[in-house]
C-alpha atoms as a PDB file:
ATOM      1  CA  MET A   1     -18.897  16.648 -23.013  1.00  0.00           C
ATOM      2  CA  SER A   2     -14.928  16.357 -24.388  1.00  0.00           C
ATOM      3  CA  VAL A   3     -12.546  13.907 -22.769  1.00  0.00           C
ATOM      4  CA  PRO A   4     -10.145  16.323 -21.223  1.00  0.00           C
ATOM      5  CA  THR A   5      -6.682  15.866 -22.249  1.00  0.00           C
ATOM      6  CA  VAL A   6      -3.159  17.287 -20.459  1.00  0.00           C
ATOM      7  CA  GLN A   7       0.303  17.285 -22.546  1.00  0.00           C
ATOM      8  CA  TYR A   8       3.440  17.335 -21.604  1.00  0.00           C
ATOM      9  CA  MET A   9       6.626  18.291 -23.021  1.00  0.00           C
ATOM     10  CA  HIS A  10       9.420  15.508 -22.666  1.00  0.00           C
ATOM     11  CA  PRO A  11      11.892  17.217 -20.472  1.00  0.00           C
ATOM     12  CA  ASP A  12      14.710  16.634 -23.568  1.00  0.00           C
ATOM     13  CA  GLY A  13      12.448  18.215 -25.818  1.00  0.00           C
ATOM     14  CA  ALA A  14      12.072  14.701 -27.768  1.00  0.00           C
ATOM     15  CA  GLY A  15       8.075  15.605 -27.872  1.00  0.00           C
ATOM     16  CA  ALA A  16       4.800  15.311 -26.444  1.00  0.00           C
ATOM     17  CA  VAL A  17       3.454  13.117 -23.759  1.00  0.00           C
ATOM     18  CA  HIS A  18      -0.507  13.260 -24.286  1.00  0.00           C
ATOM     19  CA  LEU A  19      -2.581  12.236 -21.287  1.00  0.00           C
ATOM     20  CA  ILE A  20      -6.493  11.108 -22.288  1.00  0.00           C
ATOM     21  CA  LEU A  21      -7.898  11.421 -18.720  1.00  0.00           C
ATOM     22  CA  SER A  22     -11.179   9.266 -18.515  1.00  0.00           C
ATOM     23  CA  SER A  23     -13.096  11.572 -16.074  1.00  0.00           C
ATOM     24  CA  PRO A  24     -12.915  15.240 -14.758  1.00  0.00           C
ATOM     25  CA  THR A  25     -12.185  13.643 -11.578  1.00  0.00           C
ATOM     26  CA  ALA A  26      -9.128  11.927 -12.876  1.00  0.00           C
ATOM     27  CA  HIS A  27      -7.857  14.903 -14.976  1.00  0.00           C
ATOM     28  CA  HIS A  28      -8.265  17.049 -11.515  1.00  0.00           C
ATOM     29  CA  VAL A  29      -6.423  14.909  -9.185  1.00  0.00           C
ATOM     30  CA  PHE A  30      -3.652  14.876 -11.635  1.00  0.00           C
ATOM     31  CA  ARG A  31      -3.570  18.724 -12.045  1.00  0.00           C
ATOM     32  CA  HIS A  32      -3.322  18.860  -8.171  1.00  0.00           C
ATOM     33  CA  LEU A  33      -0.862  16.543  -7.896  1.00  0.00           C
ATOM     34  CA  LEU A  34       1.391  17.915 -10.269  1.00  0.00           C
ATOM     35  CA  GLU A  35       0.836  21.348  -9.249  1.00  0.00           C
ATOM     36  CA  GLY A  36       0.969  20.570  -5.768  1.00  0.00           C
ATOM     37  CA  ASP A  37       2.778  17.496  -4.849  1.00  0.00           C
ATOM     38  CA  HIS A  38       6.425  17.377  -6.271  1.00  0.00           C
ATOM     39  CA  HIS A  39       6.417  13.959  -5.222  1.00  0.00           C
ATOM     40  CA  VAL A  40       4.599  12.568  -8.110  1.00  0.00           C
ATOM     41  CA  SER A  41       6.043  13.367 -11.559  1.00  0.00           C
ATOM     42  CA  HIS A  42       4.157  13.558 -14.894  1.00  0.00           C
ATOM     43  CA  PRO A  43       5.197  10.248 -17.359  1.00  0.00           C
ATOM     44  CA  SER A  44       7.746  10.158 -18.848  1.00  0.00           C
ATOM     45  CA  PHE A  45      10.189   8.557 -21.427  1.00  0.00           C
ATOM     46  CA  LEU A  46      13.267   6.874 -20.553  1.00  0.00           C
ATOM     47  CA  SER A  47      16.151   6.633 -22.827  1.00  0.00           C
ATOM     48  CA  SER A  48      15.334   3.988 -24.289  1.00  0.00           C
ATOM     49  CA  GLY A  49      12.155   5.230 -25.063  1.00  0.00           C
ATOM     50  CA  ILE A  50      10.141   2.792 -22.745  1.00  0.00           C
ATOM     51  CA  LYS A  51       6.858   4.953 -21.120  1.00  0.00           C
ATOM     52  CA  CYS A  52       7.163   4.804 -17.731  1.00  0.00           C
ATOM     53  CA  GLY A  53       4.706   5.379 -15.004  1.00  0.00           C
ATOM     54  CA  GLY A  54       1.343   7.450 -15.845  1.00  0.00           C
ATOM     55  CA  VAL A  55      -2.450   8.011 -14.928  1.00  0.00           C
ATOM     56  CA  LEU A  56      -4.545   4.806 -14.804  1.00  0.00           C
ATOM     57  CA  SER A  57      -7.992   5.954 -15.206  1.00  0.00           C
ATOM     58  CA  ALA A  58      -9.950   3.125 -16.824  1.00  0.00           C
ATOM     59  CA  PRO A  59     -12.052   0.944 -14.434  1.00  0.00           C
ATOM     60  CA  SER A  60      -9.545  -1.908 -14.616  1.00  0.00           C
ATOM     61  CA  GLY A  61      -6.116  -2.393 -16.567  1.00  0.00           C
ATOM     62  CA  ASN A  62      -2.832  -3.515 -15.911  1.00  0.00           C
ATOM     63  CA  PHE A  63       1.110  -1.959 -16.056  1.00  0.00           C
ATOM     64  CA  SER A  64       4.359  -3.701 -15.073  1.00  0.00           C
ATOM     65  CA  SER A  65       7.741  -2.168 -14.993  1.00  0.00           C
ATOM     66  CA  PRO A  66      10.086  -1.008 -17.804  1.00  0.00           C
ATOM     67  CA  ASN A  67      10.892  -3.481 -20.115  1.00  0.00           C
ATOM     68  CA  PHE A  68       9.107  -6.429 -18.188  1.00  0.00           C
ATOM     69  CA  PRO A  69       9.663  -9.131 -18.569  1.00  0.00           C
ATOM     70  CA  GLY A  70      13.022  -8.503 -19.669  1.00  0.00           C
ATOM     71  CA  PRO A  71      15.179  -6.802 -17.087  1.00  0.00           C
ATOM     72  CA  TYR A  72      14.007  -3.283 -16.554  1.00  0.00           C
ATOM     73  CA  PRO A  73      16.293  -0.718 -16.720  1.00  0.00           C
ATOM     74  CA  TYR A  74      18.915   0.861 -14.103  1.00  0.00           C
ATOM     75  CA  GLU A  75      18.493   4.103 -12.032  1.00  0.00           C
ATOM     76  CA  THR A  76      14.656   4.089 -12.899  1.00  0.00           C
ATOM     77  CA  GLU A  77      12.152   5.924 -10.962  1.00  0.00           C
ATOM     78  CA  CYS A  78       7.997   5.321 -11.757  1.00  0.00           C
ATOM     79  CA  THR A  79       4.695   6.451 -10.581  1.00  0.00           C
ATOM     80  CA  TRP A  80       1.309   5.070 -11.358  1.00  0.00           C
ATOM     81  CA  LEU A  81      -0.994   6.707 -10.068  1.00  0.00           C
ATOM     82  CA  ILE A  82      -4.013   5.099 -10.449  1.00  0.00           C
ATOM     83  CA  VAL A  83      -7.724   7.064 -10.068  1.00  0.00           C
ATOM     84  CA  VAL A  84     -11.212   5.358 -10.350  1.00  0.00           C
ATOM     85  CA  ALA A  85     -14.807   6.753  -9.810  1.00  0.00           C
ATOM     86  CA  GLU A  86     -15.381   8.408  -6.888  1.00  0.00           C
ATOM     87  CA  GLY A  87     -17.391   6.417  -4.335  1.00  0.00           C
ATOM     88  CA  SER A  88     -15.213   3.508  -5.166  1.00  0.00           C
ATOM     89  CA  SER A  89     -12.047   1.692  -4.407  1.00  0.00           C
ATOM     90  CA  VAL A  90      -9.125   0.161  -5.934  1.00  0.00           C
ATOM     91  CA  LEU A  91      -8.693  -3.381  -6.196  1.00  0.00           C
ATOM     92  CA  LEU A  92      -4.547  -3.786  -6.833  1.00  0.00           C
ATOM     93  CA  SER A  93      -2.786  -7.494  -7.276  1.00  0.00           C
ATOM     94  CA  PHE A  94       0.813  -8.754  -8.732  1.00  0.00           C
ATOM     95  CA  SER A  95       1.080 -11.874 -11.665  1.00  0.00           C
ATOM     96  CA  HIS A  96       4.711 -11.478 -10.749  1.00  0.00           C
ATOM     97  CA  PHE A  97       6.935  -9.755  -8.854  1.00  0.00           C
ATOM     98  CA  GLU A  98      11.381 -10.014  -9.540  1.00  0.00           C
ATOM     99  CA  LEU A  99      13.224  -6.851  -7.578  1.00  0.00           C
ATOM    100  CA  GLU A 100      16.611  -6.904  -6.838  1.00  0.00           C
ATOM    101  CA  TYR A 101      16.922  -8.130  -2.727  1.00  0.00           C
ATOM    102  CA  HIS A 102      18.102  -5.999   0.073  1.00  0.00           C
ATOM    103  CA  ALA A 103      17.322  -6.470   3.690  1.00  0.00           C
ATOM    104  CA  ALA A 104      16.100  -2.984   4.053  1.00  0.00           C
ATOM    105  CA  CYS A 105      14.277  -2.751   0.334  1.00  0.00           C
ATOM    106  CA  ALA A 106      17.068   0.048   0.373  1.00  0.00           C
ATOM    107  CA  TYR A 107      18.332  -0.662  -3.276  1.00  0.00           C
ATOM    108  CA  ASP A 108      15.518  -1.734  -6.099  1.00  0.00           C
ATOM    109  CA  TYR A 109      11.708  -1.124  -4.579  1.00  0.00           C
ATOM    110  CA  LEU A 110       7.935  -0.935  -5.088  1.00  0.00           C
ATOM    111  CA  GLN A 111       6.203   0.776  -3.057  1.00  0.00           C
ATOM    112  CA  VAL A 112       2.305   0.994  -2.645  1.00  0.00           C
ATOM    113  CA  TYR A 113       0.650   4.087  -1.228  1.00  0.00           C
ATOM    114  CA  ASN A 114      -3.393   4.382  -0.268  1.00  0.00           C
ATOM    115  CA  GLY A 115      -4.256   7.486  -2.354  1.00  0.00           C
ATOM    116  CA  ALA A 116      -1.818   9.847  -4.047  1.00  0.00           C
ATOM    117  CA  SER A 117      -0.016  11.794  -0.977  1.00  0.00           C
ATOM    118  CA  ARG A 118       3.848   9.986  -0.774  1.00  0.00           C
ATOM    119  CA  ASP A 119       3.771  10.300   2.669  1.00  0.00           C
ATOM    120  CA  LEU A 120       4.528   7.823   5.522  1.00  0.00           C
ATOM    121  CA  GLY A 121       0.944   7.701   7.125  1.00  0.00           C
ATOM    122  CA  ASN A 122      -0.788   6.581   3.393  1.00  0.00           C
ATOM    123  CA  LEU A 123       2.208   3.645   2.753  1.00  0.00           C
ATOM    124  CA  LEU A 124       0.808   0.477   2.690  1.00  0.00           C
ATOM    125  CA  GLY A 125       3.919  -1.468   1.856  1.00  0.00           C
ATOM    126  CA  THR A 126       7.783  -1.132   0.496  1.00  0.00           C
ATOM    127  CA  PHE A 127       8.603  -4.336  -1.279  1.00  0.00           C
ATOM    128  CA  CYS A 128      11.822  -6.143  -2.993  1.00  0.00           C
ATOM    129  CA  GLY A 129      13.015  -9.485  -4.010  1.00  0.00           C
ATOM    130  CA  ARG A 130      10.890 -12.312  -4.819  1.00  0.00           C
ATOM    131  CA  SER A 131       7.826 -12.525  -3.168  1.00  0.00           C
ATOM    132  CA  ALA A 132       4.944 -10.324  -4.307  1.00  0.00           C
ATOM    133  CA  PRO A 133       2.978  -8.345  -2.393  1.00  0.00           C
ATOM    134  CA  PRO A 134      -0.490  -9.553  -1.090  1.00  0.00           C
ATOM    135  CA  PRO A 135      -3.633  -8.216  -2.709  1.00  0.00           C
ATOM    136  CA  PHE A 136      -4.904  -4.751  -1.371  1.00  0.00           C
ATOM    137  CA  ALA A 137      -7.680  -2.469  -1.480  1.00  0.00           C
ATOM    138  CA  SER A 138      -7.680   1.359  -1.254  1.00  0.00           C
ATOM    139  CA  ALA A 139      -9.363   3.368   1.507  1.00  0.00           C
ATOM    140  CA  TRP A 140     -10.764   5.482  -1.100  1.00  0.00           C
ATOM    141  CA  HIS A 141     -10.434   6.148  -5.053  1.00  0.00           C
ATOM    142  CA  VAL A 142      -6.869   6.757  -5.361  1.00  0.00           C
ATOM    143  CA  MET A 143      -4.255   4.782  -5.544  1.00  0.00           C
ATOM    144  CA  ALA A 144      -0.103   5.431  -5.756  1.00  0.00           C
ATOM    145  CA  VAL A 145       2.395   2.898  -7.069  1.00  0.00           C
ATOM    146  CA  VAL A 146       6.132   3.825  -7.290  1.00  0.00           C
ATOM    147  CA  PHE A 147       9.198   1.838  -8.523  1.00  0.00           C
ATOM    148  CA  ARG A 148      12.790   2.787  -8.157  1.00  0.00           C
ATOM    149  CA  SER A 149      15.782   0.980  -9.360  1.00  0.00           C
ATOM    150  CA  ASP A 150      19.525   1.767  -8.504  1.00  0.00           C
ATOM    151  CA  ARG A 151      22.259   1.978 -11.202  1.00  0.00           C
ATOM    152  CA  HIS A 152      23.653  -1.909 -10.320  1.00  0.00           C
ATOM    153  CA  VAL A 153      21.791  -5.436 -10.349  1.00  0.00           C
ATOM    154  CA  ALA A 154      18.287  -5.679 -12.637  1.00  0.00           C
ATOM    155  CA  LYS A 155      15.931  -8.021 -12.112  1.00  0.00           C
ATOM    156  CA  ARG A 156      12.684  -8.856 -14.600  1.00  0.00           C
ATOM    157  CA  GLY A 157      10.439  -6.367 -12.271  1.00  0.00           C
ATOM    158  CA  PHE A 158       7.138  -6.060 -11.683  1.00  0.00           C
ATOM    159  CA  ALA A 159       3.509  -6.779 -13.742  1.00  0.00           C
ATOM    160  CA  ALA A 160       0.522  -5.612 -11.516  1.00  0.00           C
ATOM    161  CA  THR A 161      -3.516  -5.623 -12.140  1.00  0.00           C
ATOM    162  CA  TYR A 162      -6.106  -3.064 -11.076  1.00  0.00           C
ATOM    163  CA  HIS A 163      -9.706  -2.931 -11.132  1.00  0.00           C
ATOM    164  CA  LYS A 164     -12.527  -0.864  -9.735  1.00  0.00           C
ATOM    165  CA  GLY A 165     -13.947  -1.943  -6.220  1.00  0.00           C
ATOM    166  CA  SER A 166     -17.515  -1.582  -5.143  1.00  0.00           C
ATOM    167  CA  GLY A 167     -16.975   1.229  -2.530  1.00  0.00           C
ATOM    168  CA  LYS A 168     -14.978   0.687   0.508  1.00  0.00           C
ATOM    169  CA  GLY A 169     -14.875  -2.780   0.361  1.00  0.00           C
ATOM    170  CA  ASN A 170     -15.238  -5.859   3.674  1.00  0.00           C
ATOM    171  CA  ALA A 171     -11.624  -7.041   1.931  1.00  0.00           C
ATOM    172  CA  CYS A 172      -9.356  -7.056   4.519  1.00  0.00           C
ATOM    173  CA  GLY A 173      -6.673  -9.809   5.530  1.00  0.00           C
ATOM    174  CA  GLY A 174      -3.092 -11.351   3.527  1.00  0.00           C
ATOM    175  CA  GLN A 175       0.320 -12.149   3.940  1.00  0.00           C
ATOM    176  CA  LEU A 176       2.497  -8.848   4.253  1.00  0.00           C
ATOM    177  CA  MET A 177       6.148  -8.198   4.053  1.00  0.00           C
ATOM    178  CA  GLY A 178       8.661  -5.491   3.793  1.00  0.00           C
ATOM    179  CA  LEU A 179      10.244  -2.581   5.089  1.00  0.00           C
ATOM    180  CA  SER A 180       6.669  -1.367   6.593  1.00  0.00           C
ATOM    181  CA  GLY A 181       3.496  -1.004   5.677  1.00  0.00           C
ATOM    182  CA  GLU A 182       0.169   0.243   7.052  1.00  0.00           C
ATOM    183  CA  ILE A 183      -2.666  -2.031   8.134  1.00  0.00           C
ATOM    184  CA  THR A 184      -6.545  -1.440   9.209  1.00  0.00           C
ATOM    185  CA  SER A 185     -10.028  -2.284   9.568  1.00  0.00           C
ATOM    186  CA  PRO A 186     -12.220  -3.257   6.790  1.00  0.00           C
ATOM    187  CA  ARG A 187     -14.132  -0.090   5.814  1.00  0.00           C
ATOM    188  CA  TYR A 188     -11.765   2.508   7.554  1.00  0.00           C
ATOM    189  CA  PRO A 189     -12.206   5.137   8.906  1.00  0.00           C
ATOM    190  CA  GLU A 190     -15.869   4.371   8.074  1.00  0.00           C
ATOM    191  CA  SER A 191     -17.163   1.936  10.896  1.00  0.00           C
ATOM    192  CA  TYR A 192     -15.737  -1.866  10.190  1.00  0.00           C
ATOM    193  CA  PRO A 193     -19.281  -3.950   9.464  1.00  0.00           C
ATOM    194  CA  ASN A 194     -20.635  -6.655  11.654  1.00  0.00           C
ATOM    195  CA  ASP A 195     -19.220 -10.382  11.569  1.00  0.00           C
ATOM    196  CA  ALA A 196     -16.036  -9.892  10.186  1.00  0.00           C
ATOM    197  CA  GLU A 197     -12.729 -11.660  10.480  1.00  0.00           C
ATOM    198  CA  CYS A 198      -9.185 -10.768   8.767  1.00  0.00           C
ATOM    199  CA  ARG A 199      -6.249 -12.070   9.299  1.00  0.00           C
ATOM    200  CA  TRP A 200      -2.782 -10.747   9.009  1.00  0.00           C
ATOM    201  CA  SER A 201       0.434 -12.725   8.626  1.00  0.00           C
ATOM    202  CA  ILE A 202       3.329 -10.265   8.323  1.00  0.00           C
ATOM    203  CA  ARG A 203       7.185 -11.202   8.085  1.00  0.00           C
ATOM    204  CA  ALA A 204       9.800  -8.697   8.186  1.00  0.00           C
ATOM    205  CA  THR A 205      12.564  -8.323   6.063  1.00  0.00           C
ATOM    206  CA  ASP A 206      15.009  -7.444   8.473  1.00  0.00           C
ATOM    207  CA  GLY A 207      15.232  -8.296  12.492  1.00  0.00           C
ATOM    208  CA  PRO A 208      12.028  -8.360  14.671  1.00  0.00           C
ATOM    209  CA  LEU A 209       8.653  -6.374  13.851  1.00  0.00           C
ATOM    210  CA  THR A 210       7.631  -3.589  15.854  1.00  0.00           C
ATOM    211  CA  LEU A 211       3.546  -2.492  15.711  1.00  0.00           C
ATOM    212  CA  ILE A 212       1.870   0.816  16.293  1.00  0.00           C
ATOM    213  CA  PHE A 213      -1.727   2.121  16.752  1.00  0.00           C
ATOM    214  CA  ALA A 214      -2.375   5.396  15.379  1.00  0.00           C
ATOM    215  CA  ASP A 215      -6.153   4.727  15.998  1.00  0.00           C
ATOM    216  CA  PHE A 216      -8.196   2.371  17.828  1.00  0.00           C
ATOM    217  CA  GLN A 217     -11.986   2.034  18.314  1.00  0.00           C
ATOM    218  CA  VAL A 218     -13.316  -1.066  18.659  1.00  0.00           C
ATOM    219  CA  GLU A 219     -16.564  -2.258  20.566  1.00  0.00           C
ATOM    220  CA  GLY A 220     -15.780  -2.639  23.986  1.00  0.00           C
ATOM    221  CA  GLY A 221     -16.264  -5.435  26.699  1.00  0.00           C
ATOM    222  CA  GLN A 222     -15.151  -7.584  29.740  1.00  0.00           C
ATOM    223  CA  GLY A 223     -12.916 -10.210  28.487  1.00  0.00           C
ATOM    224  CA  CYS A 224     -12.848  -8.467  24.916  1.00  0.00           C
ATOM    225  CA  GLY A 225     -15.363 -11.352  24.107  1.00  0.00           C
ATOM    226  CA  PHE A 226     -17.143  -9.335  21.574  1.00  0.00           C
ATOM    227  CA  ASP A 227     -14.713  -7.076  18.529  1.00  0.00           C
ATOM    228  CA  TYR A 228     -11.082  -7.498  19.339  1.00  0.00           C
ATOM    229  CA  VAL A 229      -7.168  -7.271  17.990  1.00  0.00           C
ATOM    230  CA  ALA A 230      -5.524 -10.354  18.658  1.00  0.00           C
ATOM    231  CA  LEU A 231      -1.857 -10.460  18.065  1.00  0.00           C
ATOM    232  CA  PHE A 232       0.662 -13.544  18.253  1.00  0.00           C
ATOM    233  CA  ASP A 233       4.416 -13.641  18.091  1.00  0.00           C
ATOM    234  CA  GLY A 234       4.548 -15.805  15.157  1.00  0.00           C
ATOM    235  CA  PRO A 235       2.821 -16.060  11.860  1.00  0.00           C
ATOM    236  CA  THR A 236      -0.325 -18.173  12.464  1.00  0.00           C
ATOM    237  CA  ALA A 237      -2.522 -18.272  15.999  1.00  0.00           C
ATOM    238  CA  ALA A 238      -0.611 -21.111  17.070  1.00  0.00           C
ATOM    239  CA  ALA A 239       2.370 -18.673  17.744  1.00  0.00           C
ATOM    240  CA  PRO A 240       2.360 -17.436  21.548  1.00  0.00           C
ATOM    241  CA  HIS A 241      -0.686 -14.917  22.472  1.00  0.00           C
ATOM    242  CA  LEU A 242       1.394 -10.891  22.505  1.00  0.00           C
ATOM    243  CA  GLY A 243      -2.727 -10.012  23.609  1.00  0.00           C
ATOM    244  CA  ARG A 244      -6.643  -8.886  22.818  1.00  0.00           C
ATOM    245  CA  TYR A 245      -7.265  -5.338  22.736  1.00  0.00           C
ATOM    246  CA  CYS A 246     -10.727  -3.257  22.317  1.00  0.00           C
ATOM    247  CA  GLY A 247     -12.301  -0.551  23.642  1.00  0.00           C
ATOM    248  CA  SER A 248     -10.902   3.194  22.390  1.00  0.00           C
ATOM    249  CA  SER A 249      -7.876   2.531  24.163  1.00  0.00           C
ATOM    250  CA  HIS A 250      -4.455   2.187  22.471  1.00  0.00           C
ATOM    251  CA  PRO A 251      -3.061  -0.920  22.516  1.00  0.00           C
ATOM    252  CA  PRO A 252       0.281  -0.650  23.147  1.00  0.00           C
ATOM    253  CA  ARG A 253       3.565  -0.769  21.170  1.00  0.00           C
ATOM    254  CA  ILE A 254       4.330  -4.602  20.280  1.00  0.00           C
ATOM    255  CA  ILE A 255       7.814  -5.661  19.379  1.00  0.00           C
ATOM    256  CA  SER A 256       7.586  -9.474  18.468  1.00  0.00           C
ATOM    257  CA  SER A 257      10.520 -11.815  19.663  1.00  0.00           C
ATOM    258  CA  THR A 258      10.607 -13.316  15.935  1.00  0.00           C
ATOM    259  CA  ARG A 259      10.651 -12.107  12.353  1.00  0.00           C
ATOM    260  CA  HIS A 260       6.795 -13.283  12.467  1.00  0.00           C
ATOM    261  CA  LEU A 261       3.594 -11.431  13.550  1.00  0.00           C
ATOM    262  CA  PHE A 262      -0.148 -12.016  13.009  1.00  0.00           C
ATOM    263  CA  ILE A 263      -3.131 -10.339  13.736  1.00  0.00           C
ATOM    264  CA  LEU A 264      -6.742 -11.532  13.708  1.00  0.00           C
ATOM    265  CA  PHE A 265      -9.368  -8.967  13.678  1.00  0.00           C
ATOM    266  CA  LYS A 266     -13.309 -10.365  14.818  1.00  0.00           C
ATOM    267  CA  SER A 267     -16.545  -8.548  15.269  1.00  0.00           C
ATOM    268  CA  ASP A 268     -19.486  -9.987  16.398  1.00  0.00           C
ATOM    269  CA  PHE A 269     -23.055  -9.691  14.939  1.00  0.00           C
ATOM    270  CA  ASN A 270     -23.712  -6.237  16.845  1.00  0.00           C
ATOM    271  CA  ILE A 271     -22.708  -3.113  17.922  1.00  0.00           C
ATOM    272  CA  VAL A 272     -19.183  -1.942  15.571  1.00  0.00           C
ATOM    273  CA  GLY A 273     -17.073   1.018  15.882  1.00  0.00           C
ATOM    274  CA  ARG A 274     -14.603   3.067  13.629  1.00  0.00           C
ATOM    275  CA  GLY A 275     -12.042   0.068  13.999  1.00  0.00           C
ATOM    276  CA  PHE A 276      -8.164   0.867  13.696  1.00  0.00           C
ATOM    277  CA  LYS A 277      -5.259   2.014  11.518  1.00  0.00           C
ATOM    278  CA  ALA A 278      -1.767   0.553  12.219  1.00  0.00           C
ATOM    279  CA  HIS A 279       2.271   0.960  11.184  1.00  0.00           C
ATOM    280  CA  PHE A 280       4.598  -1.691  10.859  1.00  0.00           C
ATOM    281  CA  TYR A 281       7.955  -1.555  10.792  1.00  0.00           C
ATOM    282  CA  SER A 282      10.604  -4.108  10.325  1.00  0.00           C
ATOM    283  CA  GLY A 283      14.189  -3.560  12.507  1.00  0.00           C
ATOM    284  CA  GLU A 284      16.060  -1.043  10.582  1.00  0.00           C
ATOM    285  CA  ARG A 285      12.840   1.355  10.306  1.00  0.00           C
ATOM    286  CA  ILE A 286      12.745   1.728  14.249  1.00  0.00           C
ATOM    287  CA  HIS A 287      14.511   5.394  13.635  1.00  0.00           C
ATOM    288  CA  PHE A 288      11.444   6.444  11.924  1.00  0.00           C
ATOM    289  CA  LEU A 289       9.263   5.136  14.870  1.00  0.00           C
ATOM    290  CA  LEU A 290      11.057   7.744  17.027  1.00  0.00           C
ATOM    291  CA  LEU A 291      10.615   9.968  14.811  1.00  0.00           C
ATOM    292  CA  PHE A 292       6.839   9.899  13.908  1.00  0.00           C
ATOM    293  CA  PHE A 293       5.046   8.524  16.937  1.00  0.00           C
ATOM    294  CA  ILE A 294       7.515   8.803  20.310  1.00  0.00           C
END
């Protein structure tokens, strides 16, 4: 069977961009995005001739900001769509990260999406500055990465590596920092595994952190002694305790008193649930919270 290819003309008529998609699935996803989701653009060439964005459909690979390790160009937007085999997950990590810093990441930023759709519900995080994003594991076989720069101040950018994971893995936890993001229990929305222990340490880019649970189903029990989510008002479990939650009732909205929030999820050897999905927002994004969740 022939390998599908797609041809797109350069917007300025300077030539064609040929994409070789290694599977019919990648071909279908990319076609669907171009026809139905105008937020995702086809790979383009910057004025300097540097390729920016595209579909990455090999089982593993790497990509970087334009001109890396040199300064990235001004007024640039790149979208990488990572597509691996169905039934697998995408594992993404960053080996270098240096973008212009702003407390709300309003100038230059990188965003990671769980899936292809660029909406708030799929956003895993928005990042800028010199602190690299944590490793990510997607909930399905597609992940999107968006890089944007404005017209002032260029840094070295970023370098990232991805590879195919074996299905919806048990990877969880990590160090998170950014304007906003999402955390989920391992394998969500499928049942989480037994004997799991996940620790997330979140640092806000500006002001306190607000945490909202969009979905919650964890084994219940008196005192939440079996499976539970515990929240702490600081960077570690030694910080003041904000609550321990289990069962099927959503925990209340949590607002930290500092720029840090620590989340611990534990499951025992018996009885599991669907788990949870939660969104966090730093100070300057609270108005979005009101729009989407209140």
